[in-house]
Amino acid sequence: MSSLALYRRYRPESFAEVIGQEHVTDPLQQALRNNRVNHAYLFSGPRGCGKTTSARILARCLNCEQGPTPTPCGECQSCQDLARNGPGSIDVIEIDAASHGGVDDARELREKAFFGPAGSRYKIYIIDEAHMVTSAGFNALLKVVEEPPEHLKFIFATTEPEKVIGTIRSRTHHYPFRLVPPGTLREYLAEVCGKEKIPVDEAVLPLVVRAGAGSVRDSMSVMDQLLAGATDEGVTYAMATSLLGYTDGSLLDAVVESFAAGDGAAAFDVVDHVIEGGNDPRRFVADLLERLRDLVILAAVPDAVEKGLIDAPADV
């Protein structure tokens, strides 16, 4: 078993493997097919939804020997260097703007950028956390981003595109990434668990999806933690609720039944059980509201589960 974190072990290597971002990956692949690739891109969106991964895949597509191509061959030296566990390429430079966003860093980048690539088609700069580049830093980069030499490409990735100055933003092709829908994320997690050959209770996956809040990386990190603590039985619902701090479904059932029966004493019994069990009361209330919301939807739409309006296993 690899010691690499789950999200790194299953990091996509082609646009076809990126989930929930078809509105970005399809136009990018078409641009590569048409050989109409821009010199600068801005990938924006919430954390953990594939911006940096897509930037690496785009670099792989551009520098593949068969390229520019929407599907990297995976065989050539460039593809192997930029593979999931590859050593990296000297011509694809990743910069974390959180620690290298000053004007001196920008000037150094500008000076190096004019030298041609060592062994690839393009020299590509992937600038992560681009909103951390200072205003002076962006101004120092402006000329080279505006009129780069033929061999140069820029990919900016950021969670806050409004902080990238307008003069830079207007010179890029902007692709906004989105949070991944719960259904898509749940299918993907089920697939990963199957590859890991560890049994996971079906009721666990909606909990992981909720904890990840639409971020693939966050969901994979939560899943990784659960798999790491799995027993011979695999990952059970009880283990997941206690580790993630969610309220056990049986307690929510008991409260709903006490509401239905108008039995205040039974409802307070459950509340007492929650407090005595060391559960977070705010989490309990949030989970109860979500359960009541699901029941309201189910009352109005009897086939809500089939339509995907409720993210829960069929038996629940």
Protein backbone atom coordinates (compact mmCIF):
# COMPACT_ATOMS: atom_id res chain seq x y z
CA MET A 1 0.00 0.00 0.00
CA SER A 2 1.42 3.40 -0.99
CA SER A 3 2.01 5.94 1.78
CA LEU A 4 1.00 8.78 -0.58
CA ALA A 5 -2.16 10.66 0.40
CA LEU A 6 -5.27 9.40 -1.40
CA TYR A 7 -5.85 12.64 -3.35
CA ARG A 8 -2.26 12.49 -4.66
CA ARG A 9 -2.44 8.80 -5.51
CA TYR A 10 -5.54 9.36 -7.66
CA ARG A 11 -4.66 12.80 -9.05
CA PRO A 12 -5.99 12.94 -12.65
CA GLU A 13 -3.43 12.72 -15.48
CA SER A 14 -5.77 13.71 -18.33
CA PHE A 15 -8.78 15.97 -18.76
CA ALA A 16 -11.01 12.88 -19.14
CA GLU A 17 -10.21 11.95 -15.52
CA VAL A 18 -11.15 15.37 -14.07
CA ILE A 19 -14.63 15.10 -12.53
CA GLY A 20 -17.39 17.70 -12.40
CA GLN A 21 -15.59 20.35 -14.50
CA GLU A 22 -16.76 19.49 -18.02
CA HIS A 23 -17.64 23.15 -18.66
CA VAL A 24 -13.86 23.82 -18.42
CA THR A 25 -12.22 20.63 -19.70
CA ASP A 26 -14.36 20.27 -22.87
CA PRO A 27 -13.56 23.77 -24.28
CA LEU A 28 -9.87 23.36 -23.33
CA GLN A 29 -9.67 20.04 -25.18
CA GLN A 30 -11.40 21.61 -28.20
CA ALA A 31 -8.92 24.51 -28.19
CA LEU A 32 -6.05 21.97 -28.17
CA ARG A 33 -7.68 20.04 -31.05
CA ASN A 34 -8.03 23.26 -33.04
CA ASN A 35 -4.50 24.35 -32.08
CA ARG A 36 -5.93 27.64 -30.79
CA VAL A 37 -4.13 27.75 -27.46
CA ASN A 38 -3.85 31.10 -25.71
CA HIS A 39 -0.59 32.35 -24.18
CA ALA A 40 -2.15 32.92 -20.71
CA TYR A 41 -4.92 31.26 -18.71
CA LEU A 42 -6.66 32.07 -15.43
CA PHE A 43 -8.17 29.12 -13.57
CA SER A 44 -10.35 30.25 -10.66
CA GLY A 45 -12.67 28.55 -8.22
CA PRO A 46 -13.03 27.05 -4.72
CA ARG A 47 -10.15 25.11 -3.18
CA GLY A 48 -9.64 21.47 -4.02
CA CYS A 49 -11.74 21.39 -7.21
CA GLY A 50 -8.95 20.75 -9.75
CA LYS A 51 -7.39 24.09 -10.78
CA THR A 52 -3.70 23.20 -10.24
CA THR A 53 -4.27 19.64 -11.45
CA SER A 54 -5.86 20.97 -14.67
CA ALA A 55 -2.96 23.40 -15.10
CA ARG A 56 -0.52 20.46 -14.92
CA ILE A 57 -2.63 18.46 -17.38
CA LEU A 58 -2.70 21.43 -19.79
CA ALA A 59 1.10 21.67 -19.53
CA ARG A 60 1.30 17.93 -20.28
CA CYS A 61 -1.01 18.35 -23.31
CA LEU A 62 1.06 21.27 -24.66
CA ASN A 63 4.48 19.63 -24.28
CA CYS A 64 3.56 16.07 -25.33
CA GLU A 65 5.60 14.94 -28.38
CA GLN A 66 2.27 14.24 -30.16
CA GLY A 67 0.98 17.65 -29.09
CA PRO A 68 -0.43 20.07 -28.61
CA THR A 69 -3.06 17.36 -28.04
CA PRO A 70 -6.19 16.98 -25.86
CA THR A 71 -4.98 13.49 -24.84
CA PRO A 72 -1.30 13.22 -23.77
CA CYS A 73 0.37 10.03 -25.03
CA GLY A 74 1.83 9.13 -21.62
CA GLU A 75 4.85 7.57 -23.34
CA CYS A 76 7.16 10.44 -24.34
CA GLN A 77 9.76 11.92 -21.98
CA SER A 78 7.71 15.05 -21.27
CA CYS A 79 4.58 13.01 -20.42
CA GLN A 80 6.59 10.75 -18.09
CA ASP A 81 8.26 13.74 -16.40
CA LEU A 82 4.85 15.37 -15.80
CA ALA A 83 3.08 12.14 -14.78
CA ARG A 84 1.42 11.74 -11.37
CA ASN A 85 4.60 10.44 -9.71
CA GLY A 86 7.06 11.84 -12.25
CA PRO A 87 10.13 13.90 -11.35
CA GLY A 88 8.74 17.07 -12.98
CA SER A 89 10.01 18.96 -15.99
CA ILE A 90 12.60 21.74 -16.03
CA ASP A 91 10.39 23.55 -18.57
CA VAL A 92 7.23 23.51 -16.42
CA ILE A 93 7.83 25.79 -13.46
CA GLU A 94 5.34 25.84 -10.59
CA ILE A 95 5.46 28.92 -8.38
CA ASP A 96 3.56 29.36 -5.12
CA ALA A 97 2.70 33.06 -5.12
CA ALA A 98 1.95 32.92 -1.38
CA SER A 99 5.72 32.86 -0.78
CA HIS A 100 6.99 34.23 -4.14
CA GLY A 101 4.57 37.03 -4.99
CA GLY A 102 6.76 40.10 -4.55
CA VAL A 103 8.12 42.46 -7.18
CA ASP A 104 11.65 40.98 -6.98
CA ASP A 105 10.27 37.47 -7.61
CA ALA A 106 8.30 38.80 -10.59
CA ARG A 107 11.38 40.51 -12.03
CA GLU A 108 13.43 37.31 -11.66
CA LEU A 109 10.67 35.33 -13.40
CA ARG A 110 10.53 37.92 -16.20
CA GLU A 111 14.29 37.69 -16.81
CA LYS A 112 14.30 33.87 -16.89
CA ALA A 113 11.15 33.66 -19.01
CA PHE A 114 12.86 34.93 -22.17
CA PHE A 115 15.27 31.97 -22.26
CA GLY A 116 13.87 29.19 -24.43
CA PRO A 117 12.77 25.79 -23.05
CA ALA A 118 15.52 23.24 -22.36
CA GLY A 119 13.92 20.25 -24.07
CA SER A 120 10.20 20.87 -24.57
CA ARG A 121 7.96 22.75 -26.99
CA TYR A 122 6.99 25.41 -24.45
CA LYS A 123 8.24 26.89 -21.22
CA ILE A 124 5.18 26.99 -18.95
CA TYR A 125 4.76 28.91 -15.71
CA ILE A 126 2.02 27.67 -13.36
CA ILE A 127 1.44 30.40 -10.76
CA ASP A 128 -0.58 28.99 -7.87
CA GLU A 129 -2.42 31.22 -5.35
CA ALA A 130 -2.12 33.99 -7.96
CA HIS A 131 -4.19 36.40 -5.84
CA MET A 132 -1.18 36.59 -3.49
CA VAL A 133 0.98 38.30 -6.13
CA THR A 134 1.34 41.93 -5.08
CA SER A 135 0.12 44.76 -7.31
CA ALA A 136 3.77 45.75 -7.99
CA GLY A 137 4.55 42.11 -8.79
CA PHE A 138 1.73 41.93 -11.35
CA ASN A 139 2.85 45.20 -12.91
CA ALA A 140 6.38 43.82 -13.24
CA LEU A 141 4.93 40.78 -15.06
CA LEU A 142 2.53 42.76 -17.23
CA LYS A 143 4.75 43.24 -20.28
CA VAL A 144 5.80 39.60 -20.52
CA VAL A 145 2.20 38.36 -20.01
CA GLU A 146 0.95 40.89 -22.58
CA GLU A 147 3.52 40.10 -25.29
CA PRO A 148 5.30 36.85 -24.41
CA PRO A 149 7.81 35.14 -26.72
CA GLU A 150 6.43 32.24 -28.79
CA HIS A 151 7.78 29.60 -26.40
CA LEU A 152 6.10 30.99 -23.26
CA LYS A 153 2.76 30.11 -21.60
CA PHE A 154 1.28 31.29 -18.30
CA ILE A 155 -1.36 29.53 -16.19
CA PHE A 156 -2.60 31.44 -13.13
CA ALA A 157 -4.62 29.51 -10.52
CA THR A 158 -6.53 31.32 -7.78
CA THR A 159 -9.45 31.08 -5.37
CA GLU A 160 -9.94 34.88 -5.58
CA PRO A 161 -9.86 36.03 -9.24
CA GLU A 162 -11.10 39.52 -8.33
CA LYS A 163 -7.72 40.13 -6.63
CA VAL A 164 -5.83 39.52 -9.88
CA ILE A 165 -5.40 43.00 -11.35
CA GLY A 166 -7.63 43.79 -14.33
CA THR A 167 -4.75 44.43 -16.75
CA ILE A 168 -3.49 40.84 -16.24
CA ARG A 169 -6.98 39.32 -16.11
CA SER A 170 -7.97 40.91 -19.43
CA ARG A 171 -5.02 39.21 -21.16
CA THR A 172 -5.95 35.70 -20.03
CA HIS A 173 -8.61 33.19 -21.00
CA HIS A 174 -10.58 32.85 -17.76
CA TYR A 175 -12.02 29.45 -16.80
CA PRO A 176 -14.10 29.37 -13.57
CA PHE A 177 -14.09 25.99 -11.79
CA ARG A 178 -17.05 24.96 -9.61
CA LEU A 179 -17.71 22.79 -6.58
CA VAL A 180 -18.39 19.19 -7.62
CA PRO A 181 -22.06 18.04 -7.34
CA PRO A 182 -22.72 15.55 -4.49
CA GLY A 183 -23.88 12.73 -6.80
CA THR A 184 -20.74 12.95 -8.98
CA LEU A 185 -18.52 13.08 -5.91
CA ARG A 186 -20.21 10.09 -4.29
CA GLU A 187 -19.77 7.94 -7.42
CA TYR A 188 -16.11 8.93 -7.62
CA LEU A 189 -15.48 8.09 -3.94
CA ALA A 190 -17.20 4.71 -4.37
CA GLU A 191 -14.91 4.01 -7.34
CA VAL A 192 -11.80 4.95 -5.31
CA CYS A 193 -12.89 2.76 -2.38
CA GLY A 194 -13.35 -0.12 -4.82
CA LYS A 195 -9.78 0.34 -6.09
CA GLU A 196 -8.49 0.45 -2.50
CA LYS A 197 -10.26 -2.92 -1.87
CA ILE A 198 -11.58 -1.80 1.53
CA PRO A 199 -15.30 -2.35 2.22
CA VAL A 200 -17.12 0.90 3.00
CA ASP A 201 -20.69 1.06 4.34
CA GLU A 202 -22.95 2.68 1.72
CA ALA A 203 -24.24 5.17 4.32
CA VAL A 204 -20.69 6.49 4.89
CA LEU A 205 -20.27 8.09 1.45
CA PRO A 206 -22.97 10.81 1.88
CA LEU A 207 -21.27 11.77 5.18
CA VAL A 208 -17.90 12.12 3.44
CA VAL A 209 -19.49 14.15 0.62
CA ARG A 210 -21.08 16.49 3.20
CA ALA A 211 -17.79 16.87 5.07
CA GLY A 212 -15.95 17.63 1.81
CA ALA A 213 -18.52 20.29 0.82
CA GLY A 214 -17.99 19.88 -2.92
CA SER A 215 -14.18 19.90 -2.80
CA VAL A 216 -12.65 16.74 -4.28
CA ARG A 217 -9.40 17.17 -2.33
CA ASP A 218 -11.19 17.74 1.01
CA SER A 219 -13.49 14.74 0.40
CA MET A 220 -10.51 12.54 -0.50
CA SER A 221 -8.66 13.65 2.66
CA VAL A 222 -11.67 12.71 4.82
CA MET A 223 -12.00 9.37 2.99
CA ASP A 224 -8.26 8.75 3.45
CA GLN A 225 -8.60 9.27 7.21
CA LEU A 226 -11.53 6.83 7.39
CA LEU A 227 -9.74 4.19 5.29
CA ALA A 228 -6.61 4.54 7.45
CA GLY A 229 -8.65 3.67 10.54
CA ALA A 230 -10.66 0.87 8.89
CA THR A 231 -10.97 -2.45 10.76
CA ASP A 232 -11.39 -5.91 9.20
CA GLU A 233 -15.06 -4.99 8.67
CA GLY A 234 -13.98 -1.95 6.64
CA VAL A 235 -15.37 1.56 7.27
CA THR A 236 -18.62 1.34 9.24
CA TYR A 237 -21.33 3.99 9.60
CA ALA A 238 -20.82 4.15 13.40
CA MET A 239 -17.08 4.75 12.98
CA ALA A 240 -17.66 7.49 10.39
CA THR A 241 -20.27 9.37 12.45
CA SER A 242 -18.10 9.34 15.58
CA LEU A 243 -14.93 10.37 13.73
CA LEU A 244 -16.59 13.10 11.63
CA GLY A 245 -18.75 14.35 14.50
CA TYR A 246 -22.08 13.78 12.73
CA THR A 247 -25.16 12.78 14.70
CA ASP A 248 -26.06 9.09 14.47
CA GLY A 249 -29.10 8.56 12.24
CA SER A 250 -30.95 6.60 14.95
CA LEU A 251 -30.95 9.70 17.21
CA LEU A 252 -32.37 11.83 14.39
CA ASP A 253 -35.05 9.17 13.77
CA ALA A 254 -35.96 9.23 17.47
CA VAL A 255 -36.36 13.03 17.50
CA VAL A 256 -38.49 13.04 14.33
CA GLU A 257 -40.72 10.28 15.78
CA SER A 258 -41.11 12.22 19.06
CA PHE A 259 -42.10 15.32 17.03
CA ALA A 260 -44.64 13.27 15.07
CA ALA A 261 -46.12 11.87 18.30
CA GLY A 262 -46.06 15.26 20.03
CA ASP A 263 -43.98 13.64 22.78
CA GLY A 264 -41.85 16.42 24.32
CA ALA A 265 -40.37 14.13 26.99
CA ALA A 266 -38.98 11.72 24.36
CA ALA A 267 -37.47 14.64 22.40
CA PHE A 268 -35.71 15.95 25.52
CA ASP A 269 -34.47 12.41 26.24
CA VAL A 270 -32.67 12.43 22.89
CA VAL A 271 -31.23 15.90 23.55
CA ASP A 272 -29.95 14.65 26.91
CA HIS A 273 -28.43 11.61 25.17
CA VAL A 274 -26.68 13.91 22.66
CA ILE A 275 -25.20 16.11 25.42
CA GLU A 276 -24.20 13.16 27.64
CA GLY A 277 -22.56 11.50 24.65
CA GLY A 278 -20.28 14.51 24.21
CA ASN A 279 -21.73 15.42 20.81
CA ASP A 280 -21.66 19.03 19.61
CA PRO A 281 -25.20 20.48 20.12
CA ARG A 282 -24.78 22.82 17.13
CA ARG A 283 -23.87 19.89 14.89
CA PHE A 284 -26.90 17.99 16.22
CA VAL A 285 -29.21 20.90 15.36
CA ALA A 286 -27.67 21.28 11.87
CA ASP A 287 -28.06 17.52 11.22
CA LEU A 288 -31.66 17.59 12.51
CA LEU A 289 -32.55 20.54 10.24
CA GLU A 290 -31.08 18.67 7.27
CA ARG A 291 -33.14 15.57 8.14
CA LEU A 292 -36.33 17.68 8.44
CA ARG A 293 -35.54 19.37 5.12
CA ASP A 294 -35.19 15.93 3.47
CA LEU A 295 -38.53 14.83 4.95
CA VAL A 296 -40.26 18.02 3.71
CA ILE A 297 -38.88 17.36 0.20
CA LEU A 298 -39.88 13.68 0.39
CA ALA A 299 -43.44 14.64 1.41
CA ALA A 300 -43.71 16.97 -1.60
CA VAL A 301 -41.79 14.77 -4.07
CA PRO A 302 -42.27 11.04 -3.31
CA ASP A 303 -39.55 10.00 -5.83
CA ALA A 304 -37.06 12.61 -4.57
CA VAL A 305 -34.32 9.99 -4.03
CA GLU A 306 -34.54 8.74 -7.65
CA LYS A 307 -34.47 12.34 -8.89
CA GLY A 308 -31.35 13.06 -6.81
CA LEU A 309 -33.03 15.76 -4.70
CA ILE A 310 -31.94 13.93 -1.53
CA ASP A 311 -28.36 12.71 -1.12
CA ALA A 312 -28.87 9.60 1.01
CA PRO A 313 -28.69 5.81 0.56
CA ALA A 314 -31.96 4.20 -0.56
CA ASP A 315 -32.48 2.32 2.74
CA VAL A 316 -32.35 5.62 4.71
